[in-house]
N, C-alpha and C. Protein backbone atom coordinates (compact mmCIF):
# COMPACT_ATOMS: atom_id res chain seq x y z
N UNK A 1 142.18 42.75 -140.30
CA UNK A 1 141.90 41.78 -141.34
C UNK A 1 141.88 40.36 -140.77
N UNK A 2 142.69 40.12 -139.78
CA UNK A 2 142.75 38.80 -139.17
C UNK A 2 141.37 38.38 -138.63
N UNK A 3 140.66 39.33 -138.01
CA UNK A 3 139.32 39.04 -137.48
C UNK A 3 138.36 38.67 -138.60
N UNK A 4 138.39 39.45 -139.70
CA UNK A 4 137.49 39.17 -140.82
C UNK A 4 137.78 37.79 -141.41
N UNK A 5 139.05 37.47 -141.59
CA UNK A 5 139.40 36.16 -142.15
C UNK A 5 138.98 35.03 -141.22
N UNK A 6 139.11 35.25 -139.92
CA UNK A 6 138.66 34.24 -138.94
C UNK A 6 137.15 34.04 -139.06
N UNK A 7 136.39 35.14 -139.13
CA UNK A 7 134.94 35.04 -139.27
C UNK A 7 134.54 34.38 -140.58
N UNK A 8 135.28 34.69 -141.63
CA UNK A 8 134.99 34.09 -142.94
C UNK A 8 135.23 32.58 -142.90
N UNK A 9 136.33 32.17 -142.28
CA UNK A 9 136.62 30.74 -142.16
C UNK A 9 135.54 30.03 -141.34
N UNK A 10 135.11 30.66 -140.27
CA UNK A 10 134.03 30.08 -139.45
C UNK A 10 132.73 30.02 -140.25
N UNK A 11 132.46 31.04 -141.03
CA UNK A 11 131.26 31.05 -141.87
C UNK A 11 131.33 29.93 -142.91
N UNK A 12 132.52 29.68 -143.44
CA UNK A 12 132.69 28.57 -144.38
C UNK A 12 132.41 27.23 -143.72
N UNK A 13 132.91 27.04 -142.51
CA UNK A 13 132.64 25.80 -141.78
C UNK A 13 131.14 25.66 -141.50
N UNK A 14 130.51 26.77 -141.12
CA UNK A 14 129.07 26.79 -140.86
C UNK A 14 128.29 26.41 -142.11
N UNK A 15 128.74 26.89 -143.27
CA UNK A 15 128.07 26.57 -144.53
C UNK A 15 128.12 25.07 -144.80
N UNK A 16 129.24 24.45 -144.51
CA UNK A 16 129.37 23.00 -144.72
C UNK A 16 128.47 22.25 -143.75
N UNK A 17 128.43 22.69 -142.50
CA UNK A 17 127.55 22.06 -141.51
C UNK A 17 126.09 22.18 -141.96
N UNK A 18 125.69 23.37 -142.40
CA UNK A 18 124.32 23.57 -142.87
C UNK A 18 124.01 22.70 -144.09
N UNK A 19 124.97 22.59 -145.00
CA UNK A 19 124.77 21.76 -146.18
C UNK A 19 124.61 20.29 -145.82
N UNK A 20 125.45 19.81 -144.92
CA UNK A 20 125.35 18.42 -144.47
C UNK A 20 124.04 18.18 -143.73
N UNK A 21 123.65 19.12 -142.89
CA UNK A 21 122.38 19.02 -142.18
C UNK A 21 121.22 18.93 -143.16
N UNK A 22 121.26 19.76 -144.19
CA UNK A 22 120.20 19.74 -145.20
C UNK A 22 120.16 18.43 -145.96
N UNK A 23 121.33 17.94 -146.35
CA UNK A 23 121.40 16.71 -147.15
C UNK A 23 121.02 15.47 -146.34
N UNK A 24 121.38 15.45 -145.07
CA UNK A 24 121.17 14.23 -144.28
C UNK A 24 120.07 14.34 -143.23
N UNK A 25 119.84 15.53 -142.71
CA UNK A 25 118.89 15.67 -141.62
C UNK A 25 117.52 16.17 -142.02
N UNK A 26 117.44 16.79 -143.19
CA UNK A 26 116.16 17.41 -143.56
C UNK A 26 115.42 16.67 -144.68
N UNK A 27 116.09 15.76 -145.34
CA UNK A 27 115.52 15.11 -146.52
C UNK A 27 114.11 14.57 -146.29
N UNK A 28 113.87 13.95 -145.16
CA UNK A 28 112.56 13.36 -144.88
C UNK A 28 111.68 14.24 -143.97
N UNK A 29 112.18 15.42 -143.63
CA UNK A 29 111.45 16.26 -142.67
C UNK A 29 110.76 17.47 -143.28
N UNK A 30 111.25 17.93 -144.44
CA UNK A 30 110.62 19.09 -145.08
C UNK A 30 110.30 18.73 -146.53
N UNK A 31 109.46 19.52 -147.15
CA UNK A 31 109.05 19.24 -148.52
C UNK A 31 110.23 19.38 -149.49
N UNK A 32 110.10 18.79 -150.65
CA UNK A 32 111.14 18.88 -151.67
C UNK A 32 111.38 20.34 -152.07
N UNK A 33 110.30 21.10 -152.15
CA UNK A 33 110.42 22.53 -152.50
C UNK A 33 111.19 23.30 -151.42
N UNK A 34 110.88 23.02 -150.16
CA UNK A 34 111.60 23.68 -149.06
C UNK A 34 113.06 23.27 -149.04
N UNK A 35 113.33 21.99 -149.31
CA UNK A 35 114.71 21.51 -149.34
C UNK A 35 115.49 22.17 -150.47
N UNK A 36 114.84 22.36 -151.60
CA UNK A 36 115.49 23.03 -152.73
C UNK A 36 115.83 24.49 -152.37
N UNK A 37 114.91 25.16 -151.72
CA UNK A 37 115.16 26.54 -151.27
C UNK A 37 116.31 26.57 -150.26
N UNK A 38 116.29 25.64 -149.33
CA UNK A 38 117.35 25.53 -148.32
C UNK A 38 118.71 25.36 -149.00
N UNK A 39 118.76 24.48 -150.00
CA UNK A 39 120.01 24.24 -150.73
C UNK A 39 120.48 25.49 -151.46
N UNK A 40 119.54 26.30 -151.96
CA UNK A 40 119.90 27.56 -152.60
C UNK A 40 120.58 28.48 -151.59
N UNK A 41 120.05 28.54 -150.38
CA UNK A 41 120.67 29.35 -149.33
C UNK A 41 122.08 28.89 -149.02
N UNK A 42 122.28 27.56 -148.98
CA UNK A 42 123.62 27.01 -148.71
C UNK A 42 124.58 27.35 -149.86
N UNK A 43 124.11 27.19 -151.10
CA UNK A 43 124.98 27.49 -152.25
C UNK A 43 125.43 28.94 -152.25
N UNK A 44 124.50 29.86 -152.03
CA UNK A 44 124.87 31.27 -152.02
C UNK A 44 125.81 31.58 -150.87
N UNK A 45 125.63 30.92 -149.75
CA UNK A 45 126.51 31.12 -148.61
C UNK A 45 127.93 30.67 -148.96
N UNK A 46 128.05 29.50 -149.54
CA UNK A 46 129.38 28.98 -149.90
C UNK A 46 130.04 29.86 -150.97
N UNK A 47 129.28 30.22 -152.01
CA UNK A 47 129.84 31.08 -153.06
C UNK A 47 130.40 32.37 -152.47
N UNK A 48 129.65 32.97 -151.58
CA UNK A 48 130.05 34.27 -151.06
C UNK A 48 131.14 34.17 -149.99
N UNK A 49 131.26 33.03 -149.33
CA UNK A 49 132.41 32.80 -148.45
C UNK A 49 133.68 32.82 -149.30
N UNK A 50 133.63 32.19 -150.47
CA UNK A 50 134.80 32.20 -151.35
C UNK A 50 135.12 33.61 -151.84
N UNK A 51 134.08 34.37 -152.17
CA UNK A 51 134.29 35.76 -152.59
C UNK A 51 134.91 36.57 -151.44
N UNK A 52 134.39 36.38 -150.24
CA UNK A 52 134.93 37.09 -149.08
C UNK A 52 136.40 36.74 -148.84
N UNK A 53 136.74 35.46 -148.98
CA UNK A 53 138.15 35.07 -148.83
C UNK A 53 139.01 35.75 -149.88
N UNK A 54 138.53 35.75 -151.11
CA UNK A 54 139.28 36.40 -152.17
C UNK A 54 139.50 37.88 -151.89
N UNK A 55 138.41 38.59 -151.64
CA UNK A 55 138.54 40.04 -151.53
C UNK A 55 139.34 40.45 -150.31
N UNK A 56 139.30 39.66 -149.25
CA UNK A 56 140.06 40.02 -148.05
C UNK A 56 141.53 39.62 -148.11
N UNK A 57 141.91 38.88 -149.13
CA UNK A 57 143.32 38.55 -149.32
C UNK A 57 143.89 39.22 -150.57
N UNK A 58 143.05 39.89 -151.32
CA UNK A 58 143.47 40.58 -152.53
C UNK A 58 144.24 41.85 -152.17
N UNK A 59 145.45 41.96 -152.68
CA UNK A 59 146.30 43.09 -152.30
C UNK A 59 145.95 44.40 -153.02
N UNK A 60 145.10 44.35 -154.02
CA UNK A 60 144.75 45.54 -154.77
C UNK A 60 143.71 46.43 -154.10
N UNK A 61 143.10 45.97 -153.02
CA UNK A 61 142.11 46.76 -152.30
C UNK A 61 142.70 47.19 -150.96
N UNK A 62 142.42 48.43 -150.57
CA UNK A 62 142.87 48.87 -149.25
C UNK A 62 141.91 48.35 -148.17
N UNK A 63 142.29 48.56 -146.93
CA UNK A 63 141.52 48.03 -145.80
C UNK A 63 140.09 48.58 -145.78
N UNK A 64 139.92 49.85 -146.09
CA UNK A 64 138.58 50.46 -146.07
C UNK A 64 137.67 49.80 -147.11
N UNK A 65 138.18 49.57 -148.30
CA UNK A 65 137.39 48.92 -149.35
C UNK A 65 137.03 47.50 -148.92
N UNK A 66 137.99 46.79 -148.37
CA UNK A 66 137.74 45.41 -147.91
C UNK A 66 136.66 45.38 -146.84
N UNK A 67 136.72 46.31 -145.91
CA UNK A 67 135.71 46.37 -144.85
C UNK A 67 134.32 46.67 -145.42
N UNK A 68 134.25 47.63 -146.32
CA UNK A 68 132.97 48.03 -146.91
C UNK A 68 132.35 46.86 -147.70
N UNK A 69 133.16 46.24 -148.54
CA UNK A 69 132.66 45.11 -149.32
C UNK A 69 132.27 43.94 -148.42
N UNK A 70 133.10 43.65 -147.44
CA UNK A 70 132.80 42.55 -146.52
C UNK A 70 131.48 42.78 -145.80
N UNK A 71 131.25 43.99 -145.36
CA UNK A 71 130.01 44.32 -144.66
C UNK A 71 128.80 44.10 -145.57
N UNK A 72 128.89 44.57 -146.82
CA UNK A 72 127.79 44.35 -147.76
C UNK A 72 127.51 42.86 -147.94
N UNK A 73 128.57 42.08 -148.14
CA UNK A 73 128.38 40.65 -148.35
C UNK A 73 127.89 39.94 -147.09
N UNK A 74 128.43 40.30 -145.91
CA UNK A 74 127.98 39.67 -144.67
C UNK A 74 126.49 39.95 -144.41
N UNK A 75 126.09 41.20 -144.52
CA UNK A 75 124.68 41.55 -144.28
C UNK A 75 123.80 40.93 -145.36
N UNK A 76 124.27 40.97 -146.62
CA UNK A 76 123.52 40.34 -147.70
C UNK A 76 123.30 38.86 -147.46
N UNK A 77 124.33 38.17 -146.99
CA UNK A 77 124.19 36.74 -146.69
C UNK A 77 123.25 36.50 -145.52
N UNK A 78 123.37 37.31 -144.50
CA UNK A 78 122.48 37.17 -143.35
C UNK A 78 121.02 37.30 -143.79
N UNK A 79 120.74 38.33 -144.57
CA UNK A 79 119.37 38.55 -145.03
C UNK A 79 118.93 37.51 -146.05
N UNK A 80 119.76 37.25 -147.06
CA UNK A 80 119.36 36.35 -148.13
C UNK A 80 119.32 34.89 -147.65
N UNK A 81 120.48 34.35 -147.33
CA UNK A 81 120.53 32.94 -146.92
C UNK A 81 119.82 32.72 -145.59
N UNK A 82 120.01 33.65 -144.66
CA UNK A 82 119.38 33.50 -143.35
C UNK A 82 117.87 33.43 -143.43
N UNK A 83 117.28 34.30 -144.24
CA UNK A 83 115.82 34.28 -144.37
C UNK A 83 115.35 33.01 -145.07
N UNK A 84 116.11 32.56 -146.07
CA UNK A 84 115.74 31.31 -146.75
C UNK A 84 115.78 30.14 -145.77
N UNK A 85 116.81 30.09 -144.92
CA UNK A 85 116.89 29.01 -143.92
C UNK A 85 115.69 29.06 -142.97
N UNK A 86 115.38 30.25 -142.49
CA UNK A 86 114.26 30.39 -141.55
C UNK A 86 112.92 30.01 -142.18
N UNK A 87 112.71 30.41 -143.42
CA UNK A 87 111.46 30.07 -144.11
C UNK A 87 111.40 28.57 -144.41
N UNK A 88 112.49 28.01 -144.93
CA UNK A 88 112.53 26.59 -145.30
C UNK A 88 112.31 25.68 -144.10
N UNK A 89 112.84 26.07 -142.96
CA UNK A 89 112.72 25.25 -141.75
C UNK A 89 111.43 25.51 -140.99
N UNK A 90 110.62 26.44 -141.48
CA UNK A 90 109.35 26.73 -140.83
C UNK A 90 109.48 27.54 -139.55
N UNK A 91 110.63 28.18 -139.36
CA UNK A 91 110.85 29.00 -138.17
C UNK A 91 109.99 30.25 -138.23
N UNK A 92 109.83 30.77 -139.43
CA UNK A 92 109.04 31.98 -139.64
C UNK A 92 108.34 31.84 -140.99
N UNK A 93 107.20 32.46 -141.14
CA UNK A 93 106.47 32.36 -142.41
C UNK A 93 107.05 33.34 -143.42
N UNK A 94 106.96 32.95 -144.68
CA UNK A 94 107.44 33.81 -145.76
C UNK A 94 106.68 35.13 -145.78
N UNK A 95 105.41 35.10 -145.41
CA UNK A 95 104.60 36.32 -145.41
C UNK A 95 105.12 37.36 -144.43
N UNK A 96 105.71 36.90 -143.33
CA UNK A 96 106.14 37.85 -142.31
C UNK A 96 107.50 38.49 -142.62
N UNK A 97 108.30 37.84 -143.46
CA UNK A 97 109.61 38.43 -143.80
C UNK A 97 109.85 38.44 -145.31
N UNK A 98 108.81 38.60 -146.08
CA UNK A 98 108.88 38.52 -147.53
C UNK A 98 109.90 39.48 -148.14
N UNK A 99 110.16 40.60 -147.49
CA UNK A 99 111.04 41.63 -148.03
C UNK A 99 112.52 41.39 -147.69
N UNK A 100 112.81 40.52 -146.75
CA UNK A 100 114.18 40.32 -146.29
C UNK A 100 115.04 39.60 -147.35
N UNK A 101 114.51 38.56 -147.97
CA UNK A 101 115.29 37.80 -148.95
C UNK A 101 115.70 38.67 -150.14
N UNK A 102 114.76 39.39 -150.79
CA UNK A 102 115.20 40.24 -151.90
C UNK A 102 116.12 41.37 -151.47
N UNK A 103 115.93 41.89 -150.26
CA UNK A 103 116.84 42.92 -149.76
C UNK A 103 118.26 42.35 -149.64
N UNK A 104 118.35 41.13 -149.13
CA UNK A 104 119.66 40.47 -149.05
C UNK A 104 120.26 40.27 -150.43
N UNK A 105 119.44 39.88 -151.39
CA UNK A 105 119.91 39.73 -152.76
C UNK A 105 120.42 41.04 -153.33
N UNK A 106 119.72 42.13 -153.06
CA UNK A 106 120.16 43.44 -153.52
C UNK A 106 121.50 43.84 -152.89
N UNK A 107 121.68 43.51 -151.62
CA UNK A 107 122.96 43.81 -150.96
C UNK A 107 124.09 42.99 -151.57
N UNK A 108 123.81 41.73 -151.90
CA UNK A 108 124.84 40.90 -152.56
C UNK A 108 125.18 41.47 -153.93
N UNK A 109 124.16 41.84 -154.69
CA UNK A 109 124.39 42.46 -156.01
C UNK A 109 125.19 43.75 -155.84
N UNK A 110 124.80 44.55 -154.84
CA UNK A 110 125.54 45.78 -154.57
C UNK A 110 127.00 45.52 -154.26
N UNK A 111 127.28 44.46 -153.50
CA UNK A 111 128.66 44.08 -153.20
C UNK A 111 129.44 43.76 -154.46
N UNK A 112 128.81 42.98 -155.34
CA UNK A 112 129.47 42.63 -156.61
C UNK A 112 129.71 43.88 -157.46
N UNK A 113 128.72 44.76 -157.54
CA UNK A 113 128.87 45.98 -158.35
C UNK A 113 129.93 46.91 -157.76
N UNK A 114 129.95 47.03 -156.45
CA UNK A 114 130.96 47.87 -155.81
C UNK A 114 132.35 47.28 -156.02
N UNK A 115 132.45 45.96 -155.97
CA UNK A 115 133.74 45.32 -156.21
C UNK A 115 134.18 45.56 -157.66
N UNK A 116 133.26 45.45 -158.61
CA UNK A 116 133.57 45.72 -160.01
C UNK A 116 134.06 47.17 -160.18
N UNK A 117 133.38 48.09 -159.50
CA UNK A 117 133.78 49.50 -159.55
C UNK A 117 135.21 49.66 -159.05
N UNK A 118 135.53 49.04 -157.92
CA UNK A 118 136.87 49.18 -157.35
C UNK A 118 137.92 48.52 -158.24
N UNK A 119 137.57 47.42 -158.89
CA UNK A 119 138.51 46.82 -159.85
C UNK A 119 138.77 47.79 -161.00
N UNK A 120 137.70 48.39 -161.52
CA UNK A 120 137.82 49.30 -162.66
C UNK A 120 138.63 50.54 -162.29
N UNK A 121 138.48 51.01 -161.05
CA UNK A 121 139.18 52.21 -160.60
C UNK A 121 140.56 51.93 -160.04
N UNK A 122 140.93 50.66 -159.95
CA UNK A 122 142.20 50.26 -159.35
C UNK A 122 143.37 50.86 -160.13
N UNK A 123 144.39 51.24 -159.42
CA UNK A 123 145.60 51.79 -160.04
C UNK A 123 146.60 50.70 -160.36
N UNK A 124 146.23 49.46 -160.08
CA UNK A 124 147.09 48.34 -160.40
C UNK A 124 147.25 48.21 -161.89
N UNK A 125 148.41 47.78 -162.35
CA UNK A 125 148.65 47.62 -163.78
C UNK A 125 147.73 46.56 -164.37
N UNK A 126 147.23 46.83 -165.57
CA UNK A 126 146.43 45.83 -166.27
C UNK A 126 147.34 44.73 -166.79
N UNK A 127 146.90 43.51 -166.61
CA UNK A 127 147.69 42.40 -167.14
C UNK A 127 146.85 41.54 -168.05
């Protein structure tokens, strides 16, 4: 778990760096539409870093559940936010990786649904 939390913290720092880069370094270099897409990638990255921190410190999930959920969210973020960053920055055309962003979104949704399932099946007392 220590490794996952270290990676999550680094991912959080990376999200802030990317957000600052977008706000200060890209404003005059890419179109408003591309900047808006870029900001969406940053927002989803930050939101899911917080989710990853929560789920990896939550005592109601065992290590296997934490690993499975973390993997879904990590890969989902790589595909979703990563593809948005690449498209927004002109590194790759949207036509060449059109399927990656929605696949990443599906993995993120899957992570949320799997987490909901594990909460519902949890043996922890309801409060």
